[in-house]
Amino acid sequence: MGVALDRSHDIAEVDRYLAEGARLIAQAEARRRQIDRDCAREGHRLMAAQILTAMRRTLRLIEDHRIGLAAAATDPALAPVRAGRARWWPAFVRRRGYHQRIL
């Protein structure tokens, strides 16, 4: 019972994030339309479009996370399985033409 209550709390919190994200995206779209109406420079319009795209992607990630939480709350067997953490191995490579200096 405690786990289900905790997950429903998590889903409610994600829902609040989704609502706030939708509100912020609506504001950003209004500002972008204002930039277009004001005949702003191309760089400003491009930056506004890129920011809006990034905001939409972030909202989509949050929506996907909410779907996963909802699936885990209804049936833990349906929850998405997370892969193990990827290992990072540094590769020490010398550049071509590299000559070690002797001090």
PDB file of N, CA and C in Angstrom:
ATOM      1  N   MET A   1       0.832  -1.193   0.000  1.00  0.00           N
ATOM      2  CA  MET A   1       0.000   0.000   0.000  1.00  0.00           C
ATOM      3  C   MET A   1       0.870   1.248   0.000  1.00  0.00           C
ATOM      4  N   GLY A   2       1.971   1.217   0.757  1.00  0.00           N
ATOM      5  CA  GLY A   2       2.840   2.382   0.831  1.00  0.00           C
ATOM      6  C   GLY A   2       3.495   2.696  -0.487  1.00  0.00           C
ATOM      7  N   VAL A   3       3.869   1.662  -1.237  1.00  0.00           N
ATOM      8  CA  VAL A   3       4.520   1.864  -2.526  1.00  0.00           C
ATOM      9  C   VAL A   3       3.537   2.478  -3.523  1.00  0.00           C
ATOM     10  N   ALA A   4       2.297   1.979  -3.540  1.00  0.00           N
ATOM     11  CA  ALA A   4       1.291   2.511  -4.461  1.00  0.00           C
ATOM     12  C   ALA A   4       0.992   3.976  -4.138  1.00  0.00           C
ATOM     13  N   LEU A   5       0.924   4.309  -2.860  1.00  0.00           N
ATOM     14  CA  LEU A   5       0.670   5.689  -2.455  1.00  0.00           C
ATOM     15  C   LEU A   5       1.833   6.581  -2.859  1.00  0.00           C
ATOM     16  N   ASP A   6       3.043   6.067  -2.702  1.00  0.00           N
ATOM     17  CA  ASP A   6       4.225   6.836  -3.073  1.00  0.00           C
ATOM     18  C   ASP A   6       4.260   7.088  -4.580  1.00  0.00           C
ATOM     19  N   ARG A   7       3.895   6.073  -5.357  1.00  0.00           N
ATOM     20  CA  ARG A   7       3.893   6.241  -6.818  1.00  0.00           C
ATOM     21  C   ARG A   7       2.788   7.199  -7.260  1.00  0.00           C
ATOM     22  N   SER A   8       1.641   7.158  -6.601  1.00  0.00           N
ATOM     23  CA  SER A   8       0.579   8.093  -6.975  1.00  0.00           C
ATOM     24  C   SER A   8       0.999   9.523  -6.635  1.00  0.00           C
ATOM     25  N   HIS A   9       1.768   9.681  -5.559  1.00  0.00           N
ATOM     26  CA  HIS A   9       2.310  10.998  -5.221  1.00  0.00           C
ATOM     27  C   HIS A   9       3.287  11.446  -6.302  1.00  0.00           C
ATOM     28  N   ASP A  10       4.124  10.527  -6.780  1.00  0.00           N
ATOM     29  CA  ASP A  10       5.072  10.853  -7.852  1.00  0.00           C
ATOM     30  C   ASP A  10       4.343  11.244  -9.132  1.00  0.00           C
ATOM     31  N   ILE A  11       3.284  10.527  -9.463  1.00  0.00           N
ATOM     32  CA  ILE A  11       2.510  10.841 -10.671  1.00  0.00           C
ATOM     33  C   ILE A  11       1.867  12.213 -10.548  1.00  0.00           C
ATOM     34  N   ALA A  12       1.345  12.528  -9.373  1.00  0.00           N
ATOM     35  CA  ALA A  12       0.732  13.849  -9.161  1.00  0.00           C
ATOM     36  C   ALA A  12       1.779  14.955  -9.306  1.00  0.00           C
ATOM     37  N   GLU A  13       2.988  14.701  -8.811  1.00  0.00           N
ATOM     38  CA  GLU A  13       4.050  15.689  -8.928  1.00  0.00           C
ATOM     39  C   GLU A  13       4.447  15.889 -10.398  1.00  0.00           C
ATOM     40  N   VAL A  14       4.544  14.805 -11.143  1.00  0.00           N
ATOM     41  CA  VAL A  14       4.872  14.900 -12.570  1.00  0.00           C
ATOM     42  C   VAL A  14       3.747  15.628 -13.314  1.00  0.00           C
ATOM     43  N   ASP A  15       2.498  15.391 -12.920  1.00  0.00           N
ATOM     44  CA  ASP A  15       1.379  16.103 -13.537  1.00  0.00           C
ATOM     45  C   ASP A  15       1.496  17.615 -13.322  1.00  0.00           C
ATOM     46  N   ARG A  16       1.946  18.014 -12.130  1.00  0.00           N
ATOM     47  CA  ARG A  16       2.150  19.443 -11.875  1.00  0.00           C
ATOM     48  C   ARG A  16       3.258  19.991 -12.772  1.00  0.00           C
ATOM     49  N   TYR A  17       4.330  19.205 -12.967  1.00  0.00           N
ATOM     50  CA  TYR A  17       5.405  19.626 -13.869  1.00  0.00           C
ATOM     51  C   TYR A  17       4.892  19.770 -15.298  1.00  0.00           C
ATOM     52  N   LEU A  18       4.031  18.844 -15.710  1.00  0.00           N
ATOM     53  CA  LEU A  18       3.466  18.906 -17.062  1.00  0.00           C
ATOM     54  C   LEU A  18       2.605  20.154 -17.243  1.00  0.00           C
ATOM     55  N   ALA A  19       1.801  20.468 -16.238  1.00  0.00           N
ATOM     56  CA  ALA A  19       0.954  21.659 -16.328  1.00  0.00           C
ATOM     57  C   ALA A  19       1.804  22.926 -16.386  1.00  0.00           C
ATOM     58  N   GLU A  20       2.838  22.984 -15.557  1.00  0.00           N
ATOM     59  CA  GLU A  20       3.710  24.151 -15.575  1.00  0.00           C
ATOM     60  C   GLU A  20       4.468  24.243 -16.902  1.00  0.00           C
ATOM     61  N   GLY A  21       4.912  23.107 -17.424  1.00  0.00           N
ATOM     62  CA  GLY A  21       5.604  23.101 -18.710  1.00  0.00           C
ATOM     63  C   GLY A  21       4.713  23.571 -19.841  1.00  0.00           C
ATOM     64  N   ALA A  22       3.461  23.128 -19.838  1.00  0.00           N
ATOM     65  CA  ALA A  22       2.518  23.557 -20.873  1.00  0.00           C
ATOM     66  C   ALA A  22       2.283  25.066 -20.790  1.00  0.00           C
ATOM     67  N   ARG A  23       2.199  25.588 -19.568  1.00  0.00           N
ATOM     68  CA  ARG A  23       2.009  27.028 -19.381  1.00  0.00           C
ATOM     69  C   ARG A  23       3.224  27.799 -19.888  1.00  0.00           C
ATOM     70  N   LEU A  24       4.431  27.308 -19.586  1.00  0.00           N
ATOM     71  CA  LEU A  24       5.644  27.986 -20.035  1.00  0.00           C
ATOM     72  C   LEU A  24       5.794  27.934 -21.558  1.00  0.00           C
ATOM     73  N   ILE A  25       5.405  26.813 -22.155  1.00  0.00           N
ATOM     74  CA  ILE A  25       5.471  26.702 -23.619  1.00  0.00           C
ATOM     75  C   ILE A  25       4.482  27.660 -24.268  1.00  0.00           C
ATOM     76  N   ALA A  26       3.290  27.804 -23.677  1.00  0.00           N
ATOM     77  CA  ALA A  26       2.311  28.756 -24.216  1.00  0.00           C
ATOM     78  C   ALA A  26       2.865  30.181 -24.158  1.00  0.00           C
ATOM     79  N   GLN A  27       3.539  30.531 -23.067  1.00  0.00           N
ATOM     80  CA  GLN A  27       4.152  31.856 -22.954  1.00  0.00           C
ATOM     81  C   GLN A  27       5.262  32.026 -23.988  1.00  0.00           C
ATOM     82  N   ALA A  28       6.074  30.983 -24.171  1.00  0.00           N
ATOM     83  CA  ALA A  28       7.171  31.065 -25.139  1.00  0.00           C
ATOM     84  C   ALA A  28       6.639  31.200 -26.559  1.00  0.00           C
ATOM     85  N   GLU A  29       5.538  30.506 -26.869  1.00  0.00           N
ATOM     86  CA  GLU A  29       4.940  30.640 -28.202  1.00  0.00           C
ATOM     87  C   GLU A  29       4.413  32.056 -28.414  1.00  0.00           C
ATOM     88  N   ALA A  30       3.808  32.634 -27.390  1.00  0.00           N
ATOM     89  CA  ALA A  30       3.307  34.013 -27.502  1.00  0.00           C
ATOM     90  C   ALA A  30       4.465  34.981 -27.718  1.00  0.00           C
ATOM     91  N   ARG A  31       5.573  34.774 -27.012  1.00  0.00           N
ATOM     92  CA  ARG A  31       6.735  35.641 -27.188  1.00  0.00           C
ATOM     93  C   ARG A  31       7.339  35.472 -28.579  1.00  0.00           C
ATOM     94  N   ARG A  32       7.347  34.253 -29.080  1.00  0.00           N
ATOM     95  CA  ARG A  32       7.879  34.013 -30.427  1.00  0.00           C
ATOM     96  C   ARG A  32       7.008  34.706 -31.479  1.00  0.00           C
ATOM     97  N   ARG A  33       5.693  34.628 -31.311  1.00  0.00           N
ATOM     98  CA  ARG A  33       4.810  35.332 -32.244  1.00  0.00           C
ATOM     99  C   ARG A  33       5.055  36.846 -32.194  1.00  0.00           C
ATOM    100  N   GLN A  34       5.294  37.365 -30.982  1.00  0.00           N
ATOM    101  CA  GLN A  34       5.585  38.788 -30.819  1.00  0.00           C
ATOM    102  C   GLN A  34       6.893  39.146 -31.521  1.00  0.00           C
ATOM    103  N   ILE A  35       7.895  38.273 -31.413  1.00  0.00           N
ATOM    104  CA  ILE A  35       9.177  38.508 -32.089  1.00  0.00           C
ATOM    105  C   ILE A  35       8.973  38.540 -33.595  1.00  0.00           C
ATOM    106  N   ASP A  36       8.137  37.622 -34.103  1.00  0.00           N
ATOM    107  CA  ASP A  36       7.860  37.603 -35.544  1.00  0.00           C
ATOM    108  C   ASP A  36       7.121  38.868 -35.988  1.00  0.00           C
ATOM    109  N   ARG A  37       6.166  39.333 -35.176  1.00  0.00           N
ATOM    110  CA  ARG A  37       5.412  40.542 -35.516  1.00  0.00           C
ATOM    111  C   ARG A  37       6.298  41.787 -35.497  1.00  0.00           C
ATOM    112  N   ASP A  38       7.292  41.788 -34.590  1.00  0.00           N
ATOM    113  CA  ASP A  38       8.174  42.952 -34.468  1.00  0.00           C
ATOM    114  C   ASP A  38       9.273  42.972 -35.519  1.00  0.00           C
ATOM    115  N   CYS A  39       9.246  42.001 -36.420  1.00  0.00           N
ATOM    116  CA  CYS A  39      10.258  41.913 -37.483  1.00  0.00           C
ATOM    117  C   CYS A  39      11.670  41.902 -36.900  1.00  0.00           C
ATOM    118  N   ALA A  40      11.864  41.043 -35.927  1.00  0.00           N
ATOM    119  CA  ALA A  40      13.176  40.929 -35.287  1.00  0.00           C
ATOM    120  C   ALA A  40      14.174  40.317 -36.263  1.00  0.00           C
ATOM    121  N   ARG A  41      15.419  40.392 -35.908  1.00  0.00           N
ATOM    122  CA  ARG A  41      16.467  39.841 -36.751  1.00  0.00           C
ATOM    123  C   ARG A  41      16.345  38.329 -36.827  1.00  0.00           C
ATOM    124  N   GLU A  42      16.919  37.790 -37.887  1.00  0.00           N
ATOM    125  CA  GLU A  42      16.812  36.359 -38.133  1.00  0.00           C
ATOM    126  C   GLU A  42      17.428  35.539 -37.000  1.00  0.00           C
ATOM    127  N   GLY A  43      18.538  36.007 -36.442  1.00  0.00           N
ATOM    128  CA  GLY A  43      19.186  35.297 -35.337  1.00  0.00           C
ATOM    129  C   GLY A  43      18.287  35.191 -34.121  1.00  0.00           C
ATOM    130  N   HIS A  44      17.562  36.260 -33.833  1.00  0.00           N
ATOM    131  CA  HIS A  44      16.646  36.246 -32.690  1.00  0.00           C
ATOM    132  C   HIS A  44      15.481  35.289 -32.925  1.00  0.00           C
ATOM    133  N   ARG A  45      14.967  35.313 -34.165  1.00  0.00           N
ATOM    134  CA  ARG A  45      13.861  34.397 -34.483  1.00  0.00           C
ATOM    135  C   ARG A  45      14.332  32.948 -34.421  1.00  0.00           C
ATOM    136  N   LEU A  46      15.534  32.681 -34.924  1.00  0.00           N
ATOM    137  CA  LEU A  46      16.080  31.326 -34.886  1.00  0.00           C
ATOM    138  C   LEU A  46      16.298  30.860 -33.455  1.00  0.00           C
ATOM    139  N   MET A  47      16.829  31.749 -32.611  1.00  0.00           N
ATOM    140  CA  MET A  47      17.057  31.394 -31.216  1.00  0.00           C
ATOM    141  C   MET A  47      15.738  31.096 -30.507  1.00  0.00           C
ATOM    142  N   ALA A  48      14.713  31.892 -30.775  1.00  0.00           N
ATOM    143  CA  ALA A  48      13.403  31.658 -30.161  1.00  0.00           C
ATOM    144  C   ALA A  48      12.831  30.313 -30.604  1.00  0.00           C
ATOM    145  N   ALA A  49      13.004  29.982 -31.891  1.00  0.00           N
ATOM    146  CA  ALA A  49      12.498  28.703 -32.393  1.00  0.00           C
ATOM    147  C   ALA A  49      13.245  27.530 -31.771  1.00  0.00           C
ATOM    148  N   GLN A  50      14.567  27.658 -31.615  1.00  0.00           N
ATOM    149  CA  GLN A  50      15.352  26.580 -31.005  1.00  0.00           C
ATOM    150  C   GLN A  50      14.994  26.384 -29.536  1.00  0.00           C
ATOM    151  N   ILE A  51      14.799  27.470 -28.830  1.00  0.00           N
ATOM    152  CA  ILE A  51      14.420  27.366 -27.417  1.00  0.00           C
ATOM    153  C   ILE A  51      13.064  26.702 -27.283  1.00  0.00           C
ATOM    154  N   LEU A  52      12.129  27.082 -28.132  1.00  0.00           N
ATOM    155  CA  LEU A  52      10.791  26.490 -28.095  1.00  0.00           C
ATOM    156  C   LEU A  52      10.848  24.996 -28.414  1.00  0.00           C
ATOM    157  N   THR A  53      11.668  24.613 -29.381  1.00  0.00           N
ATOM    158  CA  THR A  53      11.837  23.194 -29.712  1.00  0.00           C
ATOM    159  C   THR A  53      12.411  22.427 -28.532  1.00  0.00           C
ATOM    160  N   ALA A  54      13.404  22.996 -27.862  1.00  0.00           N
ATOM    161  CA  ALA A  54      13.998  22.337 -26.697  1.00  0.00           C
ATOM    162  C   ALA A  54      12.979  22.195 -25.567  1.00  0.00           C
ATOM    163  N   MET A  55      12.149  23.206 -25.381  1.00  0.00           N
ATOM    164  CA  MET A  55      11.123  23.142 -24.335  1.00  0.00           C
ATOM    165  C   MET A  55      10.109  22.036 -24.645  1.00  0.00           C
ATOM    166  N   ARG A  56       9.724  21.918 -25.909  1.00  0.00           N
ATOM    167  CA  ARG A  56       8.775  20.866 -26.295  1.00  0.00           C
ATOM    168  C   ARG A  56       9.382  19.485 -26.092  1.00  0.00           C
ATOM    169  N   ARG A  57      10.662  19.327 -26.438  1.00  0.00           N
ATOM    170  CA  ARG A  57      11.327  18.041 -26.230  1.00  0.00           C
ATOM    171  C   ARG A  57      11.372  17.672 -24.748  1.00  0.00           C
ATOM    172  N   THR A  58      11.676  18.649 -23.930  1.00  0.00           N
ATOM    173  CA  THR A  58      11.731  18.400 -22.489  1.00  0.00           C
ATOM    174  C   THR A  58      10.360  17.996 -21.963  1.00  0.00           C
ATOM    175  N   LEU A  59       9.325  18.665 -22.435  1.00  0.00           N
ATOM    176  CA  LEU A  59       7.969  18.305 -22.011  1.00  0.00           C
ATOM    177  C   LEU A  59       7.628  16.885 -22.454  1.00  0.00           C
ATOM    178  N   ARG A  60       8.070  16.510 -23.666  1.00  0.00           N
ATOM    179  CA  ARG A  60       7.828  15.152 -24.157  1.00  0.00           C
ATOM    180  C   ARG A  60       8.545  14.107 -23.282  1.00  0.00           C
ATOM    181  N   LEU A  61       9.757  14.432 -22.834  1.00  0.00           N
ATOM    182  CA  LEU A  61      10.474  13.516 -21.942  1.00  0.00           C
ATOM    183  C   LEU A  61       9.733  13.340 -20.621  1.00  0.00           C
ATOM    184  N   ILE A  62       9.197  14.439 -20.109  1.00  0.00           N
ATOM    185  CA  ILE A  62       8.439  14.364 -18.855  1.00  0.00           C
ATOM    186  C   ILE A  62       7.174  13.539 -19.066  1.00  0.00           C
ATOM    187  N   GLU A  63       6.510  13.711 -20.222  1.00  0.00           N
ATOM    188  CA  GLU A  63       5.318  12.905 -20.510  1.00  0.00           C
ATOM    189  C   GLU A  63       5.663  11.421 -20.588  1.00  0.00           C
ATOM    190  N   ASP A  64       6.783  11.094 -21.216  1.00  0.00           N
ATOM    191  CA  ASP A  64       7.212   9.695 -21.282  1.00  0.00           C
ATOM    192  C   ASP A  64       7.501   9.135 -19.894  1.00  0.00           C
ATOM    193  N   HIS A  65       8.095   9.955 -19.039  1.00  0.00           N
ATOM    194  CA  HIS A  65       8.373   9.527 -17.669  1.00  0.00           C
ATOM    195  C   HIS A  65       7.072   9.272 -16.915  1.00  0.00           C
ATOM    196  N   ARG A  66       6.074  10.118 -17.155  1.00  0.00           N
ATOM    197  CA  ARG A  66       4.784   9.926 -16.480  1.00  0.00           C
ATOM    198  C   ARG A  66       4.128   8.629 -16.939  1.00  0.00           C
ATOM    199  N   ILE A  67       4.233   8.325 -18.232  1.00  0.00           N
ATOM    200  CA  ILE A  67       3.669   7.064 -18.741  1.00  0.00           C
ATOM    201  C   ILE A  67       4.338   5.878 -18.071  1.00  0.00           C
ATOM    202  N   GLY A  68       5.649   5.944 -17.909  1.00  0.00           N
ATOM    203  CA  GLY A  68       6.365   4.869 -17.224  1.00  0.00           C
ATOM    204  C   GLY A  68       5.954   4.734 -15.767  1.00  0.00           C
ATOM    205  N   LEU A  69       5.761   5.868 -15.091  1.00  0.00           N
ATOM    206  CA  LEU A  69       5.318   5.819 -13.691  1.00  0.00           C
ATOM    207  C   LEU A  69       3.923   5.225 -13.580  1.00  0.00           C
ATOM    208  N   ALA A  70       3.041   5.607 -14.510  1.00  0.00           N
ATOM    209  CA  ALA A  70       1.675   5.081 -14.479  1.00  0.00           C
ATOM    210  C   ALA A  70       1.676   3.579 -14.741  1.00  0.00           C
ATOM    211  N   ALA A  71       2.509   3.120 -15.657  1.00  0.00           N
ATOM    212  CA  ALA A  71       2.588   1.683 -15.943  1.00  0.00           C
ATOM    213  C   ALA A  71       3.132   0.931 -14.738  1.00  0.00           C
ATOM    214  N   ALA A  72       4.109   1.508 -14.063  1.00  0.00           N
ATOM    215  CA  ALA A  72       4.677   0.855 -12.884  1.00  0.00           C
ATOM    216  C   ALA A  72       3.686   0.823 -11.732  1.00  0.00           C
ATOM    217  N   ALA A  73       2.826   1.839 -11.651  1.00  0.00           N
ATOM    218  CA  ALA A  73       1.848   1.886 -10.567  1.00  0.00           C
ATOM    219  C   ALA A  73       0.746   0.846 -10.767  1.00  0.00           C
ATOM    220  N   THR A  74       0.363   0.605 -12.023  1.00  0.00           N
ATOM    221  CA  THR A  74      -0.711  -0.352 -12.268  1.00  0.00           C
ATOM    222  C   THR A  74      -0.209  -1.794 -12.191  1.00  0.00           C
ATOM    223  N   ASP A  75       0.920  -2.069 -12.829  1.00  0.00           N
ATOM    224  CA  ASP A  75       1.466  -3.431 -12.822  1.00  0.00           C
ATOM    225  C   ASP A  75       2.982  -3.342 -12.919  1.00  0.00           C
ATOM    226  N   PRO A  76       3.690  -3.699 -11.858  1.00  0.00           N
ATOM    227  CA  PRO A  76       5.146  -3.594 -11.891  1.00  0.00           C
ATOM    228  C   PRO A  76       5.792  -4.412 -13.008  1.00  0.00           C
ATOM    229  N   ALA A  77       5.130  -5.464 -13.480  1.00  0.00           N
ATOM    230  CA  ALA A  77       5.700  -6.269 -14.550  1.00  0.00           C
ATOM    231  C   ALA A  77       5.686  -5.516 -15.881  1.00  0.00           C
ATOM    232  N   LEU A  78       4.809  -4.519 -16.024  1.00  0.00           N
ATOM    233  CA  LEU A  78       4.722  -3.743 -17.258  1.00  0.00           C
ATOM    234  C   LEU A  78       5.652  -2.539 -17.263  1.00  0.00           C
ATOM    235  N   ALA A  79       6.287  -2.272 -16.145  1.00  0.00           N
ATOM    236  CA  ALA A  79       7.158  -1.112 -16.051  1.00  0.00           C
ATOM    237  C   ALA A  79       8.353  -1.278 -16.978  1.00  0.00           C
ATOM    238  N   PRO A  80       8.794  -0.187 -17.599  1.00  0.00           N
ATOM    239  CA  PRO A  80       9.948  -0.298 -18.483  1.00  0.00           C
ATOM    240  C   PRO A  80      11.190  -0.701 -17.711  1.00  0.00           C
ATOM    241  N   VAL A  81      11.942  -1.595 -18.295  1.00  0.00           N
ATOM    242  CA  VAL A  81      13.171  -2.070 -17.658  1.00  0.00           C
ATOM    243  C   VAL A  81      14.289  -1.121 -18.045  1.00  0.00           C
ATOM    244  N   ARG A  82      15.006  -0.667 -17.047  1.00  0.00           N
ATOM    245  CA  ARG A  82      16.108   0.245 -17.317  1.00  0.00           C
ATOM    246  C   ARG A  82      17.365  -0.580 -17.545  1.00  0.00           C
ATOM    247  N   ALA A  83      18.048  -0.227 -18.581  1.00  0.00           N
ATOM    248  CA  ALA A  83      19.299  -0.916 -18.869  1.00  0.00           C
ATOM    249  C   ALA A  83      20.345  -0.493 -17.848  1.00  0.00           C
ATOM    250  N   GLY A  84      21.341  -1.327 -17.685  1.00  0.00           N
ATOM    251  CA  GLY A  84      22.419  -0.982 -16.762  1.00  0.00           C
ATOM    252  C   GLY A  84      23.142   0.262 -17.230  1.00  0.00           C
ATOM    253  N   ARG A  85      23.800   0.884 -16.332  1.00  0.00           N
ATOM    254  CA  ARG A  85      24.492   2.117 -16.647  1.00  0.00           C
ATOM    255  C   ARG A  85      25.638   1.836 -17.617  1.00  0.00           C
ATOM    256  N   ALA A  86      25.723   2.652 -18.632  1.00  0.00           N
ATOM    257  CA  ALA A  86      26.775   2.478 -19.625  1.00  0.00           C
ATOM    258  C   ALA A  86      28.130   2.788 -19.007  1.00  0.00           C
ATOM    259  N   ARG A  87      29.084   2.011 -19.380  1.00  0.00           N
ATOM    260  CA  ARG A  87      30.433   2.241 -18.860  1.00  0.00           C
ATOM    261  C   ARG A  87      31.150   3.247 -19.750  1.00  0.00           C
ATOM    262  N   TRP A  88      31.956   4.032 -19.118  1.00  0.00           N
ATOM    263  CA  TRP A  88      32.738   5.015 -19.832  1.00  0.00           C
ATOM    264  C   TRP A  88      34.197   4.643 -19.690  1.00  0.00           C
ATOM    265  N   TRP A  89      34.824   4.401 -20.785  1.00  0.00           N
ATOM    266  CA  TRP A  89      36.232   4.032 -20.785  1.00  0.00           C
ATOM    267  C   TRP A  89      37.000   5.135 -21.506  1.00  0.00           C
ATOM    268  N   PRO A  90      37.917   5.759 -20.807  1.00  0.00           N
ATOM    269  CA  PRO A  90      38.685   6.812 -21.474  1.00  0.00           C
ATOM    270  C   PRO A  90      39.641   6.197 -22.497  1.00  0.00           C
ATOM    271  N   ALA A  91      39.811   6.864 -23.588  1.00  0.00           N
ATOM    272  CA  ALA A  91      40.733   6.404 -24.620  1.00  0.00           C
ATOM    273  C   ALA A  91      41.844   7.437 -24.744  1.00  0.00           C
ATOM    274  N   PHE A  92      43.032   7.038 -24.398  1.00  0.00           N
ATOM    275  CA  PHE A  92      44.166   7.939 -24.500  1.00  0.00           C
ATOM    276  C   PHE A  92      44.828   7.694 -25.845  1.00  0.00           C
ATOM    277  N   VAL A  93      44.693   8.652 -26.715  1.00  0.00           N
ATOM    278  CA  VAL A  93      45.198   8.522 -28.072  1.00  0.00           C
ATOM    279  C   VAL A  93      46.104   9.705 -28.357  1.00  0.00           C
ATOM    280  N   ARG A  94      47.221   9.416 -28.974  1.00  0.00           N
ATOM    281  CA  ARG A  94      48.123  10.498 -29.359  1.00  0.00           C
ATOM    282  C   ARG A  94      47.761  10.982 -30.751  1.00  0.00           C
ATOM    283  N   ARG A  95      47.922  12.258 -30.951  1.00  0.00           N
ATOM    284  CA  ARG A  95      47.667  12.834 -32.263  1.00  0.00           C
ATOM    285  C   ARG A  95      48.762  12.416 -33.232  1.00  0.00           C
ATOM    286  N   ARG A  96      48.440  12.460 -34.501  1.00  0.00           N
ATOM    287  CA  ARG A  96      49.454  12.180 -35.512  1.00  0.00           C
ATOM    288  C   ARG A  96      50.536  13.245 -35.459  1.00  0.00           C
ATOM    289  N   GLY A  97      51.707  12.827 -35.649  1.00  0.00           N
ATOM    290  CA  GLY A  97      52.812  13.771 -35.652  1.00  0.00           C
ATOM    291  C   GLY A  97      53.199  14.246 -34.262  1.00  0.00           C
ATOM    292  N   TYR A  98      52.691  13.568 -33.236  1.00  0.00           N
ATOM    293  CA  TYR A  98      53.008  13.967 -31.864  1.00  0.00           C
ATOM    294  C   TYR A  98      54.401  13.464 -31.510  1.00  0.00           C
ATOM    295  N   HIS A  99      55.217  14.347 -31.022  1.00  0.00           N
ATOM    296  CA  HIS A  99      56.565  13.975 -30.572  1.00  0.00           C
ATOM    297  C   HIS A  99      56.714  14.438 -29.148  1.00  0.00           C
ATOM    298  N   GLN A 100      57.054  13.524 -28.283  1.00  0.00           N
ATOM    299  CA  GLN A 100      57.206  13.874 -26.876  1.00  0.00           C
ATOM    300  C   GLN A 100      58.443  14.752 -26.720  1.00  0.00           C
ATOM    301  N   ARG A 101      58.289  15.805 -26.010  1.00  0.00           N
ATOM    302  CA  ARG A 101      59.398  16.722 -25.784  1.00  0.00           C
ATOM    303  C   ARG A 101      60.234  16.229 -24.619  1.00  0.00           C
ATOM    304  N   ILE A 102      61.478  16.301 -24.781  1.00  0.00           N
ATOM    305  CA  ILE A 102      62.395  15.935 -23.692  1.00  0.00           C
ATOM    306  C   ILE A 102      62.828  17.216 -23.026  1.00  0.00           C
ATOM    307  N   LEU A 103      62.610  17.275 -21.729  1.00  0.00           N
ATOM    308  CA  LEU A 103      62.970  18.488 -20.985  1.00  0.00           C
ATOM    309  C   LEU A 103      64.352  18.425 -20.438  1.00  0.00           C
TER     310      LEU A 103
END
